[in-house]
């Protein structure tokens, strides 16, 4: 399972925040971006419970002003189609 965490960070904190989040277990990517959001994080885990736990952990960082999380619902279906 995969989730995309879109983060709006406090001014001047995005680079350090992305670096810190990269070290969290099950985070596969944490990148600073230009646009509406400052950081986009990809979290992967075999089960929803642990995926949600990581997302909740990320949301507690004090540098974060706002997050939006998108849980992928088709990644597993695509992987099974490719392997067939």
PDB file of N, CA and C in Angstrom:
ATOM      1  N   UNK A   1       0.840  -1.164   0.000  1.00  0.00           N
ATOM      2  CA  UNK A   1       0.000   0.000   0.000  1.00  0.00           C
ATOM      3  C   UNK A   1       0.892   1.235   0.000  1.00  0.00           C
ATOM      4  N   UNK A   2       0.345   2.297  -0.564  1.00  0.00           N
ATOM      5  CA  UNK A   2       1.126   3.517  -0.717  1.00  0.00           C
ATOM      6  C   UNK A   2       0.265   4.732  -0.378  1.00  0.00           C
ATOM      7  N   UNK A   3       0.920   5.730   0.220  1.00  0.00           N
ATOM      8  CA  UNK A   3       0.253   7.006   0.509  1.00  0.00           C
ATOM      9  C   UNK A   3       1.164   8.145   0.086  1.00  0.00           C
ATOM     10  N   UNK A   4       0.534   9.211  -0.387  1.00  0.00           N
ATOM     11  CA  UNK A   4       1.243  10.434  -0.748  1.00  0.00           C
ATOM     12  C   UNK A   4       0.836  11.494   0.262  1.00  0.00           C
ATOM     13  N   UNK A   5       1.810  12.043   0.978  1.00  0.00           N
ATOM     14  CA  UNK A   5       1.541  13.072   1.977  1.00  0.00           C
ATOM     15  C   UNK A   5       2.025  14.398   1.396  1.00  0.00           C
ATOM     16  N   UNK A   6       1.091  15.321   1.189  1.00  0.00           N
ATOM     17  CA  UNK A   6       1.388  16.637   0.621  1.00  0.00           C
ATOM     18  C   UNK A   6       1.451  17.631   1.775  1.00  0.00           C
ATOM     19  N   UNK A   7       2.584  18.289   1.922  1.00  0.00           N
ATOM     20  CA  UNK A   7       2.845  19.083   3.124  1.00  0.00           C
ATOM     21  C   UNK A   7       3.065  20.559   2.790  1.00  0.00           C
ATOM     22  N   UNK A   8       2.402  21.409   3.553  1.00  0.00           N
ATOM     23  CA  UNK A   8       2.705  22.833   3.579  1.00  0.00           C
ATOM     24  C   UNK A   8       3.504  23.066   4.857  1.00  0.00           C
ATOM     25  N   UNK A   9       4.724  23.582   4.701  1.00  0.00           N
ATOM     26  CA  UNK A   9       5.619  23.757   5.845  1.00  0.00           C
ATOM     27  C   UNK A   9       5.732  25.236   6.232  1.00  0.00           C
ATOM     28  N   UNK A  10       6.152  25.461   7.463  1.00  0.00           N
ATOM     29  CA  UNK A  10       6.431  26.834   7.896  1.00  0.00           C
ATOM     30  C   UNK A  10       7.579  27.390   7.046  1.00  0.00           C
ATOM     31  N   UNK A  11       7.547  28.675   6.797  1.00  0.00           N
ATOM     32  CA  UNK A  11       8.543  29.344   5.950  1.00  0.00           C
ATOM     33  C   UNK A  11       9.968  28.990   6.386  1.00  0.00           C
ATOM     34  N   UNK A  12      10.774  28.561   5.430  1.00  0.00           N
ATOM     35  CA  UNK A  12      12.182  28.288   5.689  1.00  0.00           C
ATOM     36  C   UNK A  12      12.494  26.938   6.300  1.00  0.00           C
ATOM     37  N   UNK A  13      11.502  26.080   6.475  1.00  0.00           N
ATOM     38  CA  UNK A  13      11.745  24.796   7.146  1.00  0.00           C
ATOM     39  C   UNK A  13      11.647  23.583   6.224  1.00  0.00           C
ATOM     40  N   UNK A  14      11.265  23.769   4.972  1.00  0.00           N
ATOM     41  CA  UNK A  14      10.970  22.633   4.086  1.00  0.00           C
ATOM     42  C   UNK A  14      12.171  21.707   3.869  1.00  0.00           C
ATOM     43  N   UNK A  15      13.344  22.273   3.617  1.00  0.00           N
ATOM     44  CA  UNK A  15      14.517  21.428   3.336  1.00  0.00           C
ATOM     45  C   UNK A  15      14.854  20.515   4.513  1.00  0.00           C
ATOM     46  N   UNK A  16      14.932  21.088   5.684  1.00  0.00           N
ATOM     47  CA  UNK A  16      15.256  20.296   6.885  1.00  0.00           C
ATOM     48  C   UNK A  16      14.137  19.300   7.191  1.00  0.00           C
ATOM     49  N   UNK A  17      12.896  19.713   7.008  1.00  0.00           N
ATOM     50  CA  UNK A  17      11.760  18.831   7.257  1.00  0.00           C
ATOM     51  C   UNK A  17      11.810  17.621   6.340  1.00  0.00           C
ATOM     52  N   UNK A  18      12.033  17.840   5.047  1.00  0.00           N
ATOM     53  CA  UNK A  18      12.108  16.734   4.090  1.00  0.00           C
ATOM     54  C   UNK A  18      13.242  15.782   4.456  1.00  0.00           C
ATOM     55  N   UNK A  19      14.373  16.337   4.856  1.00  0.00           N
ATOM     56  CA  UNK A  19      15.524  15.526   5.260  1.00  0.00           C
ATOM     57  C   UNK A  19      15.193  14.666   6.488  1.00  0.00           C
ATOM     58  N   UNK A  20      14.527  15.258   7.457  1.00  0.00           N
ATOM     59  CA  UNK A  20      14.153  14.539   8.675  1.00  0.00           C
ATOM     60  C   UNK A  20      13.148  13.426   8.376  1.00  0.00           C
ATOM     61  N   UNK A  21      12.162  13.727   7.555  1.00  0.00           N
ATOM     62  CA  UNK A  21      11.119  12.748   7.237  1.00  0.00           C
ATOM     63  C   UNK A  21      11.684  11.569   6.449  1.00  0.00           C
ATOM     64  N   UNK A  22      12.728  11.784   5.639  1.00  0.00           N
ATOM     65  CA  UNK A  22      13.346  10.687   4.876  1.00  0.00           C
ATOM     66  C   UNK A  22      13.825   9.558   5.773  1.00  0.00           C
ATOM     67  N   UNK A  23      14.128   9.871   7.023  1.00  0.00           N
ATOM     68  CA  UNK A  23      14.659   8.879   7.957  1.00  0.00           C
ATOM     69  C   UNK A  23      13.576   8.042   8.630  1.00  0.00           C
ATOM     70  N   UNK A  24      12.304   8.398   8.438  1.00  0.00           N
ATOM     71  CA  UNK A  24      11.193   7.677   9.064  1.00  0.00           C
ATOM     72  C   UNK A  24      11.005   6.332   8.359  1.00  0.00           C
ATOM     73  N   UNK A  25      10.823   5.298   9.148  1.00  0.00           N
ATOM     74  CA  UNK A  25      10.610   3.952   8.605  1.00  0.00           C
ATOM     75  C   UNK A  25       9.397   3.948   7.671  1.00  0.00           C
ATOM     76  N   UNK A  26       9.508   3.289   6.538  1.00  0.00           N
ATOM     77  CA  UNK A  26       8.479   3.134   5.503  1.00  0.00           C
ATOM     78  C   UNK A  26       8.331   4.361   4.610  1.00  0.00           C
ATOM     79  N   UNK A  27       9.127   5.408   4.825  1.00  0.00           N
ATOM     80  CA  UNK A  27       9.130   6.541   3.898  1.00  0.00           C
ATOM     81  C   UNK A  27      10.091   6.182   2.775  1.00  0.00           C
ATOM     82  N   UNK A  28       9.580   6.161   1.542  1.00  0.00           N
ATOM     83  CA  UNK A  28      10.422   5.811   0.395  1.00  0.00           C
ATOM     84  C   UNK A  28      10.924   7.044  -0.339  1.00  0.00           C
ATOM     85  N   UNK A  29      10.286   8.184  -0.109  1.00  0.00           N
ATOM     86  CA  UNK A  29      10.693   9.418  -0.771  1.00  0.00           C
ATOM     87  C   UNK A  29      10.168  10.611   0.019  1.00  0.00           C
ATOM     88  N   UNK A  30      10.983  11.651   0.094  1.00  0.00           N
ATOM     89  CA  UNK A  30      10.583  12.899   0.742  1.00  0.00           C
ATOM     90  C   UNK A  30      11.304  14.026   0.017  1.00  0.00           C
ATOM     91  N   UNK A  31      10.553  14.775  -0.794  1.00  0.00           N
ATOM     92  CA  UNK A  31      11.168  15.768  -1.665  1.00  0.00           C
ATOM     93  C   UNK A  31      10.559  17.148  -1.493  1.00  0.00           C
ATOM     94  N   UNK A  32      11.425  18.158  -1.520  1.00  0.00           N
ATOM     95  CA  UNK A  32      10.958  19.543  -1.565  1.00  0.00           C
ATOM     96  C   UNK A  32      10.514  19.834  -2.998  1.00  0.00           C
ATOM     97  N   UNK A  33       9.411  20.557  -3.119  1.00  0.00           N
ATOM     98  CA  UNK A  33       8.870  20.875  -4.439  1.00  0.00           C
ATOM     99  C   UNK A  33       8.437  22.339  -4.470  1.00  0.00           C
ATOM    100  N   UNK A  34       8.287  22.869  -5.682  1.00  0.00           N
ATOM    101  CA  UNK A  34       7.723  24.203  -5.869  1.00  0.00           C
ATOM    102  C   UNK A  34       6.251  24.036  -6.190  1.00  0.00           C
ATOM    103  N   UNK A  35       5.450  24.962  -5.752  1.00  0.00           N
ATOM    104  CA  UNK A  35       4.028  24.916  -6.047  1.00  0.00           C
ATOM    105  C   UNK A  35       3.208  25.119  -4.787  1.00  0.00           C
ATOM    106  N   UNK A  36       2.015  24.577  -4.802  1.00  0.00           N
ATOM    107  CA  UNK A  36       1.087  24.736  -3.683  1.00  0.00           C
ATOM    108  C   UNK A  36       1.629  24.101  -2.405  1.00  0.00           C
ATOM    109  N   UNK A  37       2.352  22.989  -2.529  1.00  0.00           N
ATOM    110  CA  UNK A  37       2.922  22.291  -1.378  1.00  0.00           C
ATOM    111  C   UNK A  37       4.426  22.499  -1.348  1.00  0.00           C
ATOM    112  N   UNK A  38       5.019  22.273  -0.191  1.00  0.00           N
ATOM    113  CA  UNK A  38       6.456  22.442  -0.020  1.00  0.00           C
ATOM    114  C   UNK A  38       7.215  21.118  -0.031  1.00  0.00           C
ATOM    115  N   UNK A  39       6.563  20.069   0.448  1.00  0.00           N
ATOM    116  CA  UNK A  39       7.192  18.746   0.531  1.00  0.00           C
ATOM    117  C   UNK A  39       6.161  17.703   0.114  1.00  0.00           C
ATOM    118  N   UNK A  40       6.614  16.726  -0.664  1.00  0.00           N
ATOM    119  CA  UNK A  40       5.764  15.577  -0.994  1.00  0.00           C
ATOM    120  C   UNK A  40       6.486  14.330  -0.507  1.00  0.00           C
ATOM    121  N   UNK A  41       5.762  13.533   0.270  1.00  0.00           N
ATOM    122  CA  UNK A  41       6.319  12.328   0.875  1.00  0.00           C
ATOM    123  C   UNK A  41       5.567  11.116   0.343  1.00  0.00           C
ATOM    124  N   UNK A  42       6.313  10.061   0.027  1.00  0.00           N
ATOM    125  CA  UNK A  42       5.702   8.792  -0.348  1.00  0.00           C
ATOM    126  C   UNK A  42       6.002   7.791   0.761  1.00  0.00           C
ATOM    127  N   UNK A  43       4.933   7.164   1.251  1.00  0.00           N
ATOM    128  CA  UNK A  43       5.037   6.168   2.311  1.00  0.00           C
ATOM    129  C   UNK A  43       4.520   4.852   1.754  1.00  0.00           C
ATOM    130  N   UNK A  44       5.259   3.768   1.991  1.00  0.00           N
ATOM    131  CA  UNK A  44       4.809   2.452   1.551  1.00  0.00           C
ATOM    132  C   UNK A  44       4.849   1.481   2.711  1.00  0.00           C
ATOM    133  N   UNK A  45       3.819   0.636   2.775  1.00  0.00           N
ATOM    134  CA  UNK A  45       3.713  -0.358   3.831  1.00  0.00           C
ATOM    135  C   UNK A  45       2.776  -1.467   3.358  1.00  0.00           C
ATOM    136  N   UNK A  46       2.973  -2.687   3.836  1.00  0.00           N
ATOM    137  CA  UNK A  46       2.129  -3.783   3.387  1.00  0.00           C
ATOM    138  C   UNK A  46       0.698  -3.741   3.927  1.00  0.00           C
ATOM    139  N   UNK A  47       0.456  -2.958   4.960  1.00  0.00           N
ATOM    140  CA  UNK A  47      -0.892  -2.927   5.531  1.00  0.00           C
ATOM    141  C   UNK A  47      -1.317  -1.513   5.895  1.00  0.00           C
ATOM    142  N   UNK A  48      -2.605  -1.262   5.841  1.00  0.00           N
ATOM    143  CA  UNK A  48      -3.158   0.075   6.089  1.00  0.00           C
ATOM    144  C   UNK A  48      -2.869   0.573   7.506  1.00  0.00           C
ATOM    145  N   UNK A  49      -2.899  -0.314   8.474  1.00  0.00           N
ATOM    146  CA  UNK A  49      -2.690   0.100   9.868  1.00  0.00           C
ATOM    147  C   UNK A  49      -1.303   0.734  10.050  1.00  0.00           C
ATOM    148  N   UNK A  50      -0.272   0.093   9.536  1.00  0.00           N
ATOM    149  CA  UNK A  50       1.075   0.651   9.693  1.00  0.00           C
ATOM    150  C   UNK A  50       1.270   1.881   8.797  1.00  0.00           C
ATOM    151  N   UNK A  51       0.621   1.891   7.647  1.00  0.00           N
ATOM    152  CA  UNK A  51       0.674   3.053   6.760  1.00  0.00           C
ATOM    153  C   UNK A  51       0.074   4.272   7.455  1.00  0.00           C
ATOM    154  N   UNK A  52      -1.072   4.092   8.072  1.00  0.00           N
ATOM    155  CA  UNK A  52      -1.732   5.183   8.806  1.00  0.00           C
ATOM    156  C   UNK A  52      -0.892   5.654   9.982  1.00  0.00           C
ATOM    157  N   UNK A  53      -0.234   4.724  10.647  1.00  0.00           N
ATOM    158  CA  UNK A  53       0.607   5.078  11.785  1.00  0.00           C
ATOM    159  C   UNK A  53       1.754   5.998  11.354  1.00  0.00           C
ATOM    160  N   UNK A  54       2.378   5.690  10.220  1.00  0.00           N
ATOM    161  CA  UNK A  54       3.476   6.516   9.724  1.00  0.00           C
ATOM    162  C   UNK A  54       2.968   7.899   9.322  1.00  0.00           C
ATOM    163  N   UNK A  55       1.838   7.943   8.636  1.00  0.00           N
ATOM    164  CA  UNK A  55       1.256   9.229   8.238  1.00  0.00           C
ATOM    165  C   UNK A  55       0.942  10.074   9.474  1.00  0.00           C
ATOM    166  N   UNK A  56       0.366   9.468  10.497  1.00  0.00           N
ATOM    167  CA  UNK A  56       0.072  10.190  11.744  1.00  0.00           C
ATOM    168  C   UNK A  56       1.347  10.703  12.403  1.00  0.00           C
ATOM    169  N   UNK A  57       2.400   9.912  12.347  1.00  0.00           N
ATOM    170  CA  UNK A  57       3.689  10.326  12.915  1.00  0.00           C
ATOM    171  C   UNK A  57       4.224  11.558  12.178  1.00  0.00           C
ATOM    172  N   UNK A  58       4.151  11.531  10.862  1.00  0.00           N
ATOM    173  CA  UNK A  58       4.631  12.656  10.059  1.00  0.00           C
ATOM    174  C   UNK A  58       3.835  13.919  10.369  1.00  0.00           C
ATOM    175  N   UNK A  59       2.547  13.810  10.529  1.00  0.00           N
ATOM    176  CA  UNK A  59       1.687  14.973  10.745  1.00  0.00           C
ATOM    177  C   UNK A  59       1.976  15.701  12.057  1.00  0.00           C
ATOM    178  N   UNK A  60       2.704  15.086  12.958  1.00  0.00           N
ATOM    179  CA  UNK A  60       2.988  15.686  14.262  1.00  0.00           C
ATOM    180  C   UNK A  60       4.191  16.626  14.265  1.00  0.00           C
ATOM    181  N   UNK A  61       4.938  16.702  13.165  1.00  0.00           N
ATOM    182  CA  UNK A  61       6.109  17.581  13.140  1.00  0.00           C
ATOM    183  C   UNK A  61       5.668  19.041  13.286  1.00  0.00           C
ATOM    184  N   UNK A  62       6.317  19.799  14.180  1.00  0.00           N
ATOM    185  CA  UNK A  62       5.889  21.184  14.426  1.00  0.00           C
ATOM    186  C   UNK A  62       6.123  22.130  13.242  1.00  0.00           C
ATOM    187  N   UNK A  63       6.974  21.749  12.286  1.00  0.00           N
ATOM    188  CA  UNK A  63       7.231  22.599  11.126  1.00  0.00           C
ATOM    189  C   UNK A  63       6.084  22.554  10.114  1.00  0.00           C
ATOM    190  N   UNK A  64       5.149  21.647  10.315  1.00  0.00           N
ATOM    191  CA  UNK A  64       4.062  21.454   9.356  1.00  0.00           C
ATOM    192  C   UNK A  64       2.878  22.342   9.692  1.00  0.00           C
ATOM    193  N   UNK A  65       2.411  23.063   8.681  1.00  0.00           N
ATOM    194  CA  UNK A  65       1.234  23.911   8.809  1.00  0.00           C
ATOM    195  C   UNK A  65      -0.011  23.135   8.408  1.00  0.00           C
ATOM    196  N   UNK A  66       0.103  22.337   7.334  1.00  0.00           N
ATOM    197  CA  UNK A  66      -1.058  21.626   6.788  1.00  0.00           C
ATOM    198  C   UNK A  66      -0.587  20.395   6.013  1.00  0.00           C
ATOM    199  N   UNK A  67      -1.381  19.334   6.042  1.00  0.00           N
ATOM    200  CA  UNK A  67      -1.105  18.168   5.212  1.00  0.00           C
ATOM    201  C   UNK A  67      -2.376  17.718   4.512  1.00  0.00           C
ATOM    202  N   UNK A  68      -2.188  17.085   3.379  1.00  0.00           N
ATOM    203  CA  UNK A  68      -3.248  16.349   2.705  1.00  0.00           C
ATOM    204  C   UNK A  68      -2.647  15.012   2.348  1.00  0.00           C
ATOM    205  N   UNK A  69      -3.389  13.947   2.588  1.00  0.00           N
ATOM    206  CA  UNK A  69      -2.888  12.614   2.316  1.00  0.00           C
ATOM    207  C   UNK A  69      -3.789  11.921   1.314  1.00  0.00           C
ATOM    208  N   UNK A  70      -3.147  11.334   0.320  1.00  0.00           N
ATOM    209  CA  UNK A  70      -3.870  10.555  -0.686  1.00  0.00           C
ATOM    210  C   UNK A  70      -3.390   9.110  -0.586  1.00  0.00           C
ATOM    211  N   UNK A  71      -4.305   8.211  -0.246  1.00  0.00           N
ATOM    212  CA  UNK A  71      -3.986   6.791  -0.183  1.00  0.00           C
ATOM    213  C   UNK A  71      -4.244   6.173  -1.548  1.00  0.00           C
ATOM    214  N   UNK A  72      -3.241   5.494  -2.081  1.00  0.00           N
ATOM    215  CA  UNK A  72      -3.384   4.858  -3.385  1.00  0.00           C
ATOM    216  C   UNK A  72      -4.279   3.633  -3.261  1.00  0.00           C
ATOM    217  N   UNK A  73      -5.173   3.465  -4.207  1.00  0.00           N
ATOM    218  CA  UNK A  73      -6.048   2.298  -4.168  1.00  0.00           C
ATOM    219  C   UNK A  73      -5.840   1.387  -5.368  1.00  0.00           C
ATOM    220  N   UNK A  74      -4.955   1.752  -6.288  1.00  0.00           N
ATOM    221  CA  UNK A  74      -4.797   0.932  -7.490  1.00  0.00           C
ATOM    222  C   UNK A  74      -3.408   0.329  -7.641  1.00  0.00           C
ATOM    223  N   UNK A  75      -2.456   0.666  -6.817  1.00  0.00           N
ATOM    224  CA  UNK A  75      -1.085   0.173  -6.980  1.00  0.00           C
ATOM    225  C   UNK A  75      -1.015  -1.347  -6.930  1.00  0.00           C
ATOM    226  N   UNK A  76      -1.718  -1.956  -5.987  1.00  0.00           N
ATOM    227  CA  UNK A  76      -1.686  -3.409  -5.865  1.00  0.00           C
ATOM    228  C   UNK A  76      -2.310  -4.076  -7.080  1.00  0.00           C
ATOM    229  N   UNK A  77      -3.394  -3.516  -7.597  1.00  0.00           N
ATOM    230  CA  UNK A  77      -4.037  -4.075  -8.780  1.00  0.00           C
ATOM    231  C   UNK A  77      -3.104  -4.004  -9.973  1.00  0.00           C
ATOM    232  N   UNK A  78      -2.406  -2.889 -10.146  1.00  0.00           N
ATOM    233  CA  UNK A  78      -1.474  -2.732 -11.258  1.00  0.00           C
ATOM    234  C   UNK A  78      -0.322  -3.708 -11.151  1.00  0.00           C
ATOM    235  N   UNK A  79       0.219  -3.900  -9.949  1.00  0.00           N
ATOM    236  CA  UNK A  79       1.332  -4.830  -9.751  1.00  0.00           C
ATOM    237  C   UNK A  79       0.920  -6.248 -10.109  1.00  0.00           C
ATOM    238  N   UNK A  80      -0.271  -6.663  -9.733  1.00  0.00           N
ATOM    239  CA  UNK A  80      -0.720  -8.021 -10.046  1.00  0.00           C
ATOM    240  C   UNK A  80      -0.956  -8.203 -11.539  1.00  0.00           C
ATOM    241  N   UNK A  81      -1.426  -7.162 -12.235  1.00  0.00           N
ATOM    242  CA  UNK A  81      -1.636  -7.238 -13.679  1.00  0.00           C
ATOM    243  C   UNK A  81      -0.301  -7.345 -14.411  1.00  0.00           C
ATOM    244  N   UNK A  82       0.699  -6.627 -13.953  1.00  0.00           N
ATOM    245  CA  UNK A  82       2.022  -6.657 -14.583  1.00  0.00           C
ATOM    246  C   UNK A  82       2.668  -8.018 -14.423  1.00  0.00           C
ATOM    247  N   UNK A  83       2.514  -8.650 -13.261  1.00  0.00           N
ATOM    248  CA  UNK A  83       3.172  -9.917 -12.994  1.00  0.00           C
ATOM    249  C   UNK A  83       2.492 -11.095 -13.702  1.00  0.00           C
ATOM    250  N   UNK A  84       1.297 -10.902 -14.234  1.00  0.00           N
ATOM    251  CA  UNK A  84       0.581 -12.001 -14.902  1.00  0.00           C
ATOM    252  C   UNK A  84       1.099 -12.259 -16.285  1.00  0.00           C
TER     253      UNK A  84
END
